[in-house]
Structures are given as structure tokens and as C-alpha cells.
Amino acid sequence: MSLYSFIGLDGQGRELRETIEAETEKDVARLLRNRSIFVLKVWEGGGAKPGNGFREWLARLKPLLRPGQYAPVGAGDLVIFFRQTAMMLRAGYTLVTALDASSEMTAKLRLRRTIKKMCDEIRKGGSFSGTLAGEKKIFTPMVSNLIASGEKSGNLDDILDRLADSIERSKDIKRQLVAAMFYPLFVLLVSIGVVIFLVLGVIPRFATFLNARNAALPASTQVLMNISAWAQDYGRILAIALGAVFFSLFVAYTTRKGKQFLDRVLLTLPLVGKAILFASMAQAGWCLAMLLRSGVTALESIRIAASVMGNSAVSDCFSAAADGLLQGQSLSKTLDQPHIPLMMRHMAAVGESSGQLDTVMHGAGEYYQKELTARVKLISVAIEPMLILMVGVVVGFVYFAFFQAVMSVSKGGM
């Protein structure tokens, strides 16, 4: 038998530092589990953990040198946190013990500190939902409301799993939207780069070659030369003006009124507008279904759904629907808003009449998710040929103008 020291947490979340006799470290872990103690560290020998001096200093310094832990808390971090906590609650850990253990396993420093802060507040008598509501920079109102319903119903572990599923779905929707926007934007930027290279790099050299021979230029070549000359004279002014416009749009998007206006404009764009709307409806359907299944009222569910919408124009529509519910109108009638599709209103009416609004809203989320996937494919199929055709026309015109100029010079006696 050997003497082992350990650091652990008891059933109330208090830290324990003791020694125990056992054959191996595995036996120590087994004995402590039988005593309902969550093991944090185990080492052989009594007293302080070995490794004092320079090695201990290096051991403490090493975790601080991981740059990833200083990154912002992302959706993936929250998914892991919710799933780990749910799993430990099912295993029989108390909430405080589960949160303490989750903080030890969390990679992001900010989230780790937040969880420890919540543990301290819960030990002082606070509720889990109340502590989450106080951390608005990390957790949305939907999280605190769902946790509150889970605390009342006693199925907190199921609620945490639902939250993880919801975050994963939202992450997938954002990924599809980014994919829908990124590829056309990338092709467009490459096209612009090719045109700028031709106008500012190739054509001026060709113009110098032709001007040295005093040859009469065809109309197409002259147009090309004029465009190149204008770009060289006013290109910087144009670039500064465009930069100022984009910067102004960015600044406007950081204000509430500017974001509302620009979000409405985005919804009117061909192809892309529908993709944004479908993404919002899929998110709204799943959010409403999860909230209603968790016991949240329809009014509060609509308000929470409005708060998590990325597009402010759609969010305002759901806020207006919540006001209509407060006045006693039916959900299907309150959803009669400019940016809410007719299908969503009909689904709400069916759910109200059948008493299965949560199931119907989940079905609506699945429907709009499929519509979003189809729209993303359509954007790729439709925009790619258009952009390639645009680049081909520009390059073809330049080639045609060059060819005419060469033929004109050659006929002039070259």
C-alpha cells in the first residue's frame, strides 16, 4: 500500500485536500468515487504536490502560454459546456460540482472565469438561471429562460442538451449563409482584380507601344485606351470614394437605425435576400419549438425568438407579433408581418388549432432549413456562370481590341 494525496470536490462542491492509502492511482479514483468525491488531481506521496521549484514554476506558466484560451467564447465552446454539464448531472453530480468540473475542462479563459463566478453565486444561494441572465455577453436570454424552465420542471440535463442542439443548428445555418455569400464574393473580387490588372498594368504598356508608332487606332482600341487613361488619372479618387462608401456603410450598420435599414435592403436582394429570410425562419421555428416544449409561454417564446434573430428587420416583425399576442390576438394573426412568409403564418394557425404548436414549429424549422440548403445551391449555380461570363466579356473585349490594333499597325507597314 502506498500513500497518495488528492484534490477533489465533495457533493456540495467544497474542495478537499487529503491523503489516502491505496495500491495504485486507479484504486484511489475508485475509492473516491465510492465516497461521491469528484477527483481533480492525484499524486503519490503526502503533503504538497511534488515538483516544487523551477519545474513547478514551469508547470504553472505552461497553461498561460496557450494563445487559444484568450480567444473569444464561440458557439462550439458553449456546446461543449452544455453537453458536459448535462452528462455530469445525469451521472449524479450536483449542479455546483458539475459546473466546477466543467470549468476545469473549459479551454477558454473567459468562459472558465465566468463559470467559476456562477458557481460562487450559486453557493451563496443564487439560481443557475439568474446567474446566466447576468452574463449577457456570453449567454443569450434564450439560455437563461430555458434554464429557468428546466429548474422548475427538474429536467435541467435535457434542457442543456436542447440548448446544445439549438446552438449547433444556428451554427450550421450561419455556415450555410457564409458559404452562400463567400463564393460569389470571392469570384467577384477575383474578377475585379483581373480587370484592374488589365486596365492599369497591361493596357498602358500596350498603349505606349502603339503611340510610339503613330498608328491610327480602331475604335475599340481607342475606347480601351481612354478607359485606361481615365483609370490612371482618377483611379485613386474612385478607390478613396468607394472606401469611404463602404466605411460609411460599416459605421451605419453599427447603429440601430442603420442596421434596420441595411437589413431591409439585404432582404430585397435577388437570391441572397431569400437565403437570409429562410435562415431566419429556420432559426425562429427551432427556437420557438424548443422554448414551447420547455414550458415557456408563447408570448415569452416570441420575444426570445425576436432577440436571437440576426436580421433586425425580421426581429422587428417578431417583436410586433409579441405585441399583438399581448393584446389578445392569435399567433397566426400576429405573424401577419411584412417579412414573415405566408407559410409560417399557416403553420402557426395549424399548430394553434391542433394544440401541437411546438411540433409544427419544429417542422417549420426543418422545412426552411431544406429551403435554405436549396437556395445556397441555387446561388452557387446561378452566380458562378454570370461572374465567369462577365470576366470573359471583359477579357474578350481586351483581346479583340489588341488584335485589331496589331492588325492595324501591321497593315500600316510594320
Protein backbone atom coordinates (compact mmCIF):
# COMPACT_ATOMS: atom_id res chain seq x y z
CA MET A 1 0.00 0.00 0.00
CA SER A 2 1.23 3.48 -0.88
CA LEU A 3 0.22 6.90 0.34
CA TYR A 4 -1.48 9.15 -2.24
CA SER A 5 -2.55 12.79 -1.99
CA PHE A 6 -5.53 14.16 -3.89
CA ILE A 7 -7.53 17.31 -4.58
CA GLY A 8 -11.26 16.76 -5.11
CA LEU A 9 -14.76 18.15 -4.72
CA ASP A 10 -17.41 16.71 -2.41
CA GLY A 11 -21.15 16.54 -3.09
CA GLN A 12 -21.64 20.17 -2.01
CA GLY A 13 -18.86 21.42 -4.25
CA ARG A 14 -16.35 22.04 -1.45
CA GLU A 15 -12.68 21.46 -2.21
CA LEU A 16 -10.95 18.61 -0.37
CA ARG A 17 -7.18 18.12 0.04
CA GLU A 18 -6.40 14.84 1.81
CA THR A 19 -4.24 11.72 1.69
CA ILE A 20 -5.36 8.13 1.21
CA GLU A 21 -3.72 4.69 1.13
CA ALA A 22 -4.15 2.59 -2.00
CA GLU A 23 -2.28 0.27 -4.36
CA THR A 24 -2.45 2.46 -7.49
CA GLU A 25 -3.86 5.78 -8.68
CA LYS A 26 -6.78 3.88 -10.28
CA ASP A 27 -7.65 2.45 -6.87
CA VAL A 28 -7.57 5.98 -5.45
CA ALA A 29 -10.02 7.18 -8.08
CA ARG A 30 -12.31 4.19 -7.43
CA LEU A 31 -12.29 4.70 -3.67
CA LEU A 32 -13.05 8.39 -4.02
CA ARG A 33 -15.88 7.74 -6.46
CA ASN A 34 -17.42 5.43 -3.88
CA ARG A 35 -17.30 8.38 -1.47
CA SER A 36 -19.03 10.63 -4.11
CA ILE A 37 -15.90 12.75 -4.47
CA PHE A 38 -15.03 14.22 -7.87
CA VAL A 39 -11.27 13.86 -8.36
CA LEU A 40 -9.32 16.81 -9.75
CA LYS A 41 -5.67 15.75 -9.10
CA VAL A 42 -3.92 12.70 -7.64
CA TRP A 43 -0.22 12.18 -6.93
CA GLU A 44 1.86 9.74 -4.96
CA GLY A 45 3.16 10.80 -1.56
CA GLY A 46 1.89 13.05 1.18
CA GLY A 47 1.91 16.83 1.53
CA ALA A 48 2.24 19.24 -1.33
CA LYS A 49 2.29 18.02 -4.90
CA PRO A 50 5.85 17.21 -6.00
CA GLY A 51 7.60 19.40 -8.46
CA ASN A 52 8.46 22.43 -6.31
CA GLY A 53 10.89 25.00 -7.57
CA PHE A 54 11.67 25.57 -11.23
CA ARG A 55 9.58 22.63 -12.52
CA GLU A 56 6.52 23.78 -10.58
CA TRP A 57 7.01 27.31 -11.94
CA LEU A 58 7.16 25.94 -15.49
CA ALA A 59 4.07 23.82 -14.87
CA ARG A 60 2.16 26.91 -13.77
CA LEU A 61 3.49 29.01 -16.64
CA LYS A 62 2.70 26.48 -19.38
CA PRO A 63 -1.12 26.90 -19.29
CA LEU A 64 -0.74 30.67 -19.58
CA LEU A 65 1.23 30.31 -22.84
CA ARG A 66 -1.66 28.73 -24.77
CA PRO A 67 -2.90 31.57 -27.03
CA GLY A 68 -6.17 29.81 -27.85
CA GLN A 69 -7.54 30.28 -24.35
CA TYR A 70 -7.60 34.08 -24.80
CA ALA A 71 -9.83 33.90 -27.88
CA PRO A 72 -13.50 34.97 -27.61
CA VAL A 73 -16.02 32.40 -26.47
CA GLY A 74 -17.60 30.78 -29.53
CA ALA A 75 -20.66 28.68 -30.19
CA GLY A 76 -18.59 25.48 -30.12
CA ASP A 77 -17.35 26.27 -26.60
CA LEU A 78 -20.93 26.71 -25.36
CA VAL A 79 -22.00 23.43 -26.98
CA ILE A 80 -19.22 21.55 -25.18
CA PHE A 81 -20.02 23.29 -21.89
CA PHE A 82 -23.73 22.46 -22.05
CA ARG A 83 -23.16 18.85 -23.10
CA GLN A 84 -20.51 18.21 -20.41
CA THR A 85 -22.69 19.72 -17.69
CA ALA A 86 -25.73 17.70 -18.83
CA MET A 87 -23.71 14.48 -18.84
CA MET A 88 -22.40 15.05 -15.31
CA LEU A 89 -25.86 15.92 -13.99
CA ARG A 90 -27.15 12.61 -15.36
CA ALA A 91 -24.22 10.84 -13.68
CA GLY A 92 -25.41 12.11 -10.31
CA TYR A 93 -23.25 15.17 -9.72
CA THR A 94 -24.77 18.21 -8.06
CA LEU A 95 -25.06 21.36 -10.15
CA VAL A 96 -22.18 23.11 -8.37
CA THR A 97 -19.92 20.05 -8.68
CA ALA A 98 -20.78 19.70 -12.37
CA LEU A 99 -20.06 23.38 -13.03
CA ASP A 100 -16.77 23.21 -11.12
CA ALA A 101 -15.72 20.22 -13.19
CA SER A 102 -16.81 21.94 -16.42
CA SER A 103 -14.72 24.99 -15.54
CA GLU A 104 -11.66 22.74 -15.18
CA MET A 105 -12.29 21.25 -18.63
CA THR A 106 -13.07 24.55 -20.41
CA ALA A 107 -10.39 25.74 -22.82
CA LYS A 108 -11.38 29.44 -23.00
CA LEU A 109 -10.18 31.57 -20.10
CA ARG A 110 -13.16 33.94 -20.16
CA LEU A 111 -15.71 31.14 -20.04
CA ARG A 112 -13.73 29.41 -17.27
CA ARG A 113 -13.81 32.53 -15.13
CA THR A 114 -17.50 33.05 -15.85
CA ILE A 115 -18.39 29.51 -14.78
CA LYS A 116 -16.40 29.87 -11.55
CA LYS A 117 -18.15 33.17 -10.87
CA MET A 118 -21.53 31.49 -11.39
CA CYS A 119 -20.52 28.69 -9.00
CA ASP A 120 -19.73 31.23 -6.30
CA GLU A 121 -23.10 32.92 -6.76
CA ILE A 122 -24.96 29.60 -6.67
CA ARG A 123 -23.17 28.66 -3.44
CA LYS A 124 -24.41 31.95 -1.97
CA GLY A 125 -27.99 30.98 -2.79
CA GLY A 126 -28.45 32.26 -6.32
CA SER A 127 -30.19 30.30 -9.07
CA PHE A 128 -28.48 28.90 -12.15
CA SER A 129 -30.82 30.81 -14.48
CA GLY A 130 -30.28 34.04 -12.56
CA THR A 131 -26.50 33.79 -12.83
CA LEU A 132 -26.77 33.05 -16.55
CA ALA A 133 -29.03 36.07 -17.05
CA GLY A 134 -26.31 38.25 -15.51
CA GLU A 135 -23.74 37.10 -18.09
CA LYS A 136 -25.39 38.66 -21.15
CA LYS A 137 -22.16 38.98 -23.11
CA ILE A 138 -21.83 35.19 -23.27
CA PHE A 139 -25.34 33.75 -22.78
CA THR A 140 -28.43 34.92 -24.67
CA PRO A 141 -31.83 35.50 -22.98
CA MET A 142 -32.99 32.21 -24.51
CA VAL A 143 -30.43 30.32 -22.41
CA SER A 144 -31.49 31.83 -19.09
CA ASN A 145 -35.20 31.37 -19.84
CA LEU A 146 -34.76 27.73 -20.81
CA ILE A 147 -32.63 27.02 -17.76
CA ALA A 148 -35.30 28.65 -15.57
CA SER A 149 -37.93 26.30 -17.02
CA GLY A 150 -35.57 23.36 -16.51
CA GLU A 151 -35.07 24.29 -12.86
CA LYS A 152 -38.83 24.37 -12.34
CA SER A 153 -39.51 21.08 -14.13
CA GLY A 154 -36.45 19.24 -12.80
CA ASN A 155 -35.17 18.19 -16.22
CA LEU A 156 -32.18 20.52 -16.37
CA ASP A 157 -30.00 17.96 -18.14
CA ASP A 158 -32.50 17.64 -21.02
CA ILE A 159 -32.71 21.42 -21.33
CA LEU A 160 -28.92 21.69 -21.56
CA ASP A 161 -28.88 19.09 -24.35
CA ARG A 162 -31.60 21.01 -26.21
CA LEU A 163 -29.58 24.18 -25.89
CA ALA A 164 -26.53 22.45 -27.34
CA ASP A 165 -28.62 21.15 -30.26
CA SER A 166 -30.07 24.61 -30.85
CA ILE A 167 -26.64 26.25 -30.91
CA GLU A 168 -25.34 23.62 -33.33
CA ARG A 169 -28.30 24.24 -35.66
CA SER A 170 -27.74 28.01 -35.54
CA LYS A 171 -24.06 27.45 -36.26
CA ASP A 172 -24.92 25.29 -39.26
CA ILE A 173 -27.32 27.96 -40.57
CA LYS A 174 -24.63 30.64 -40.28
CA ARG A 175 -22.15 28.36 -42.02
CA GLN A 176 -24.53 27.89 -44.94
CA LEU A 177 -25.15 31.63 -45.18
CA VAL A 178 -21.43 32.36 -45.17
CA ALA A 179 -20.94 29.73 -47.87
CA ALA A 180 -23.71 31.34 -49.92
CA MET A 181 -22.11 34.78 -49.65
CA PHE A 182 -18.41 33.90 -49.68
CA TYR A 183 -18.08 32.09 -53.01
CA PRO A 184 -19.80 34.74 -55.19
CA LEU A 185 -17.94 37.48 -53.33
CA PHE A 186 -14.62 35.70 -53.87
CA VAL A 187 -15.25 35.26 -57.61
CA LEU A 188 -16.34 38.91 -57.86
CA LEU A 189 -13.18 40.14 -56.13
CA VAL A 190 -11.02 37.99 -58.41
CA SER A 191 -12.87 39.40 -61.42
CA ILE A 192 -12.31 42.95 -60.26
CA GLY A 193 -8.64 42.14 -59.69
CA VAL A 194 -8.29 40.82 -63.24
CA VAL A 195 -9.93 43.93 -64.69
CA ILE A 196 -7.73 46.26 -62.61
CA PHE A 197 -4.60 44.36 -63.71
CA LEU A 198 -5.59 44.68 -67.38
CA VAL A 199 -6.58 48.34 -67.17
CA LEU A 200 -3.65 49.56 -65.07
CA GLY A 201 -0.95 47.02 -65.93
CA VAL A 202 -1.31 45.58 -69.42
CA ILE A 203 -3.14 48.23 -71.42
CA PRO A 204 -0.82 51.18 -70.56
CA ARG A 205 2.22 49.25 -71.82
CA PHE A 206 0.38 48.35 -75.00
CA ALA A 207 -0.66 51.99 -75.41
CA THR A 208 2.99 53.07 -75.16
CA PHE A 209 3.87 50.54 -77.85
CA LEU A 210 1.18 51.82 -80.22
CA ASN A 211 1.78 55.52 -79.60
CA ALA A 212 5.47 55.07 -80.50
CA ARG A 213 4.37 54.02 -83.98
CA ASN A 214 1.84 56.84 -84.52
CA ALA A 215 -0.64 54.34 -85.90
CA ALA A 216 -4.34 55.08 -86.38
CA LEU A 217 -6.19 53.02 -83.80
CA PRO A 218 -9.51 51.20 -84.31
CA ALA A 219 -12.49 52.46 -82.30
CA SER A 220 -12.46 49.50 -79.90
CA THR A 221 -8.78 50.02 -79.13
CA GLN A 222 -9.27 53.76 -78.64
CA VAL A 223 -12.10 53.09 -76.18
CA LEU A 224 -9.82 50.75 -74.27
CA MET A 225 -7.05 53.36 -74.18
CA ASN A 226 -9.45 56.05 -72.97
CA ILE A 227 -10.70 53.80 -70.15
CA SER A 228 -7.14 53.02 -69.11
CA ALA A 229 -6.14 56.69 -69.18
CA TRP A 230 -9.18 57.67 -67.10
CA ALA A 231 -8.43 54.92 -64.56
CA GLN A 232 -4.84 56.12 -64.20
CA ASP A 233 -5.96 59.73 -63.73
CA TYR A 234 -8.95 59.19 -61.44
CA GLY A 235 -8.46 55.66 -60.14
CA ARG A 236 -7.18 56.79 -56.74
CA ILE A 237 -10.09 59.18 -56.30
CA LEU A 238 -12.51 56.39 -57.22
CA ALA A 239 -10.83 53.97 -54.79
CA ILE A 240 -10.97 56.54 -51.97
CA ALA A 241 -14.64 57.28 -52.72
CA LEU A 242 -15.54 53.58 -52.70
CA GLY A 243 -13.58 53.08 -49.49
CA ALA A 244 -15.46 55.99 -47.90
CA VAL A 245 -18.79 54.50 -49.00
CA PHE A 246 -18.01 51.07 -47.58
CA PHE A 247 -16.69 52.58 -44.35
CA SER A 248 -19.86 54.67 -44.02
CA LEU A 249 -22.00 51.56 -44.54
CA PHE A 250 -19.98 49.73 -41.89
CA VAL A 251 -20.40 52.57 -39.41
CA ALA A 252 -24.12 52.82 -40.22
CA TYR A 253 -24.51 49.08 -39.58
CA THR A 254 -23.25 49.56 -36.04
CA THR A 255 -26.20 51.87 -35.26
CA ARG A 256 -29.73 50.58 -34.68
CA LYS A 257 -31.45 52.62 -37.42
CA GLY A 258 -28.65 51.96 -39.89
CA LYS A 259 -28.77 48.21 -39.21
CA GLN A 260 -32.54 48.16 -39.63
CA PHE A 261 -32.30 49.94 -42.98
CA LEU A 262 -29.45 47.81 -44.32
CA ASP A 263 -31.07 44.58 -43.12
CA ARG A 264 -34.24 45.51 -45.00
CA VAL A 265 -32.14 46.18 -48.10
CA LEU A 266 -30.44 42.79 -47.75
CA LEU A 267 -33.83 41.06 -47.74
CA THR A 268 -34.68 42.66 -51.10
CA LEU A 269 -31.51 41.45 -52.86
CA PRO A 270 -32.08 38.80 -55.55
CA LEU A 271 -31.24 35.24 -54.43
CA VAL A 272 -29.33 36.36 -51.31
CA GLY A 273 -32.37 38.00 -49.70
CA LYS A 274 -34.35 34.77 -49.79
CA ALA A 275 -31.46 32.86 -48.29
CA ILE A 276 -31.29 35.29 -45.35
CA LEU A 277 -35.06 35.08 -44.86
CA PHE A 278 -35.08 31.26 -44.95
CA ALA A 279 -32.22 31.16 -42.44
CA SER A 280 -34.16 33.45 -40.09
CA MET A 281 -37.31 31.37 -40.40
CA ALA A 282 -35.45 28.12 -39.74
CA GLN A 283 -33.87 29.62 -36.64
CA ALA A 284 -37.21 31.02 -35.47
CA GLY A 285 -39.02 27.70 -35.97
CA TRP A 286 -36.48 25.68 -33.99
CA CYS A 287 -36.20 28.33 -31.29
CA LEU A 288 -39.98 28.51 -30.80
CA ALA A 289 -40.30 24.71 -30.78
CA MET A 290 -37.60 24.31 -28.13
CA LEU A 291 -38.97 27.09 -25.92
CA LEU A 292 -42.58 25.86 -26.10
CA ARG A 293 -41.55 22.26 -25.34
CA SER A 294 -39.65 23.53 -22.31
CA GLY A 295 -42.75 25.17 -20.86
CA VAL A 296 -42.06 28.79 -21.85
CA THR A 297 -45.22 30.75 -22.72
CA ALA A 298 -45.96 31.62 -26.34
CA LEU A 299 -45.58 35.35 -25.62
CA GLU A 300 -42.18 34.94 -24.00
CA SER A 301 -41.11 32.48 -26.72
CA ILE A 302 -41.87 35.01 -29.45
CA ARG A 303 -39.96 37.71 -27.58
CA ILE A 304 -36.95 35.48 -27.11
CA ALA A 305 -37.04 34.40 -30.76
CA ALA A 306 -37.03 38.09 -31.74
CA SER A 307 -33.97 38.72 -29.58
CA VAL A 308 -31.90 35.96 -31.20
CA MET A 309 -32.68 36.88 -34.83
CA GLY A 310 -29.61 38.08 -36.72
CA ASN A 311 -31.57 40.23 -39.17
CA SER A 312 -33.09 43.22 -37.36
CA ALA A 313 -35.90 43.61 -39.93
CA VAL A 314 -37.13 40.07 -39.18
CA SER A 315 -36.53 40.61 -35.47
CA ASP A 316 -38.79 43.69 -35.52
CA CYS A 317 -41.54 41.61 -37.13
CA PHE A 318 -41.41 39.06 -34.31
CA SER A 319 -41.38 41.85 -31.72
CA ALA A 320 -44.50 43.29 -33.32
CA ALA A 321 -46.05 39.80 -33.23
CA ALA A 322 -45.32 39.61 -29.50
CA ASP A 323 -47.12 42.93 -29.01
CA GLY A 324 -50.10 41.54 -30.90
CA LEU A 325 -50.18 38.47 -28.66
CA LEU A 326 -50.15 40.72 -25.63
CA GLN A 327 -53.27 42.43 -26.99
CA GLY A 328 -55.09 39.11 -27.23
CA GLN A 329 -54.68 38.28 -30.92
CA SER A 330 -53.92 34.78 -32.16
CA LEU A 331 -50.36 33.84 -33.07
CA SER A 332 -51.20 33.26 -36.73
CA LYS A 333 -52.74 36.72 -36.96
CA THR A 334 -49.87 38.47 -35.19
CA LEU A 335 -47.40 36.82 -37.59
CA ASP A 336 -49.04 38.73 -40.45
CA GLN A 337 -45.91 40.88 -40.80
CA PRO A 338 -44.04 42.16 -43.90
CA HIS A 339 -41.00 39.87 -43.65
CA ILE A 340 -42.67 36.70 -42.30
CA PRO A 341 -43.63 34.27 -45.11
CA LEU A 342 -47.22 33.14 -45.57
CA MET A 343 -46.18 29.54 -44.94
CA MET A 344 -45.05 30.44 -41.41
CA ARG A 345 -48.43 32.02 -40.66
CA HIS A 346 -50.33 28.97 -41.93
CA MET A 347 -48.12 26.64 -39.88
CA ALA A 348 -48.81 28.73 -36.78
CA ALA A 349 -52.56 28.52 -37.45
CA VAL A 350 -52.36 24.73 -37.79
CA GLY A 351 -50.36 24.45 -34.58
CA GLU A 352 -52.83 26.60 -32.65
CA SER A 353 -55.85 24.65 -33.86
CA SER A 354 -54.27 21.24 -33.18
CA GLY A 355 -52.66 22.17 -29.86
CA GLN A 356 -49.27 20.99 -31.12
CA LEU A 357 -47.64 24.32 -31.83
CA ASP A 358 -44.19 23.11 -30.72
CA THR A 359 -44.25 20.16 -33.14
CA VAL A 360 -45.50 22.32 -36.00
CA MET A 361 -42.83 24.97 -35.38
CA HIS A 362 -40.14 22.29 -35.37
CA GLY A 363 -41.48 21.10 -38.71
CA ALA A 364 -41.36 24.68 -39.99
CA GLY A 365 -37.71 24.90 -38.94
CA GLU A 366 -36.91 21.70 -40.83
CA TYR A 367 -38.77 22.96 -43.91
CA TYR A 368 -36.93 26.28 -44.07
CA GLN A 369 -33.60 24.56 -43.40
CA LYS A 370 -34.15 22.49 -46.54
CA GLU A 371 -35.20 25.62 -48.44
CA LEU A 372 -32.02 27.35 -47.29
CA THR A 373 -29.86 24.45 -48.49
CA ALA A 374 -31.58 24.54 -51.88
CA ARG A 375 -31.16 28.32 -52.08
CA VAL A 376 -27.43 28.10 -51.33
CA LYS A 377 -27.02 25.59 -54.16
CA LEU A 378 -29.03 27.86 -56.47
CA ILE A 379 -26.81 30.83 -55.64
CA SER A 380 -23.69 28.84 -56.48
CA VAL A 381 -25.20 27.55 -59.73
CA ALA A 382 -26.63 30.89 -60.85
CA ILE A 383 -23.96 33.40 -59.85
CA GLU A 384 -20.85 31.46 -60.87
CA PRO A 385 -21.66 31.40 -64.62
CA MET A 386 -22.72 35.06 -64.53
CA LEU A 387 -19.45 36.19 -62.99
CA ILE A 388 -17.40 33.98 -65.29
CA LEU A 389 -19.30 35.41 -68.27
CA MET A 390 -18.58 38.96 -67.08
CA VAL A 391 -14.86 38.25 -66.79
CA GLY A 392 -14.92 36.50 -70.16
CA VAL A 393 -16.58 39.51 -71.83
CA VAL A 394 -14.00 41.92 -70.39
CA VAL A 395 -11.04 39.74 -71.29
CA GLY A 396 -12.52 39.02 -74.73
CA PHE A 397 -13.03 42.71 -75.43
CA VAL A 398 -9.44 43.47 -74.43
CA TYR A 399 -8.16 40.66 -76.64
CA PHE A 400 -10.33 41.86 -79.56
CA ALA A 401 -9.10 45.45 -79.18
CA PHE A 402 -5.49 44.28 -79.01
CA PHE A 403 -5.92 42.09 -82.08
CA GLN A 404 -7.48 44.93 -84.09
CA ALA A 405 -4.69 47.29 -83.07
CA VAL A 406 -1.97 44.81 -84.06
CA MET A 407 -3.63 44.20 -87.41
CA SER A 408 -3.94 47.96 -87.98
CA VAL A 409 -0.27 48.55 -87.18
CA SER A 410 0.84 45.64 -89.34
CA LYS A 411 -1.14 46.99 -92.32
CA GLY A 412 0.46 50.38 -91.75
CA GLY A 413 3.79 48.98 -92.75
CA MET A 414 5.23 47.32 -89.72
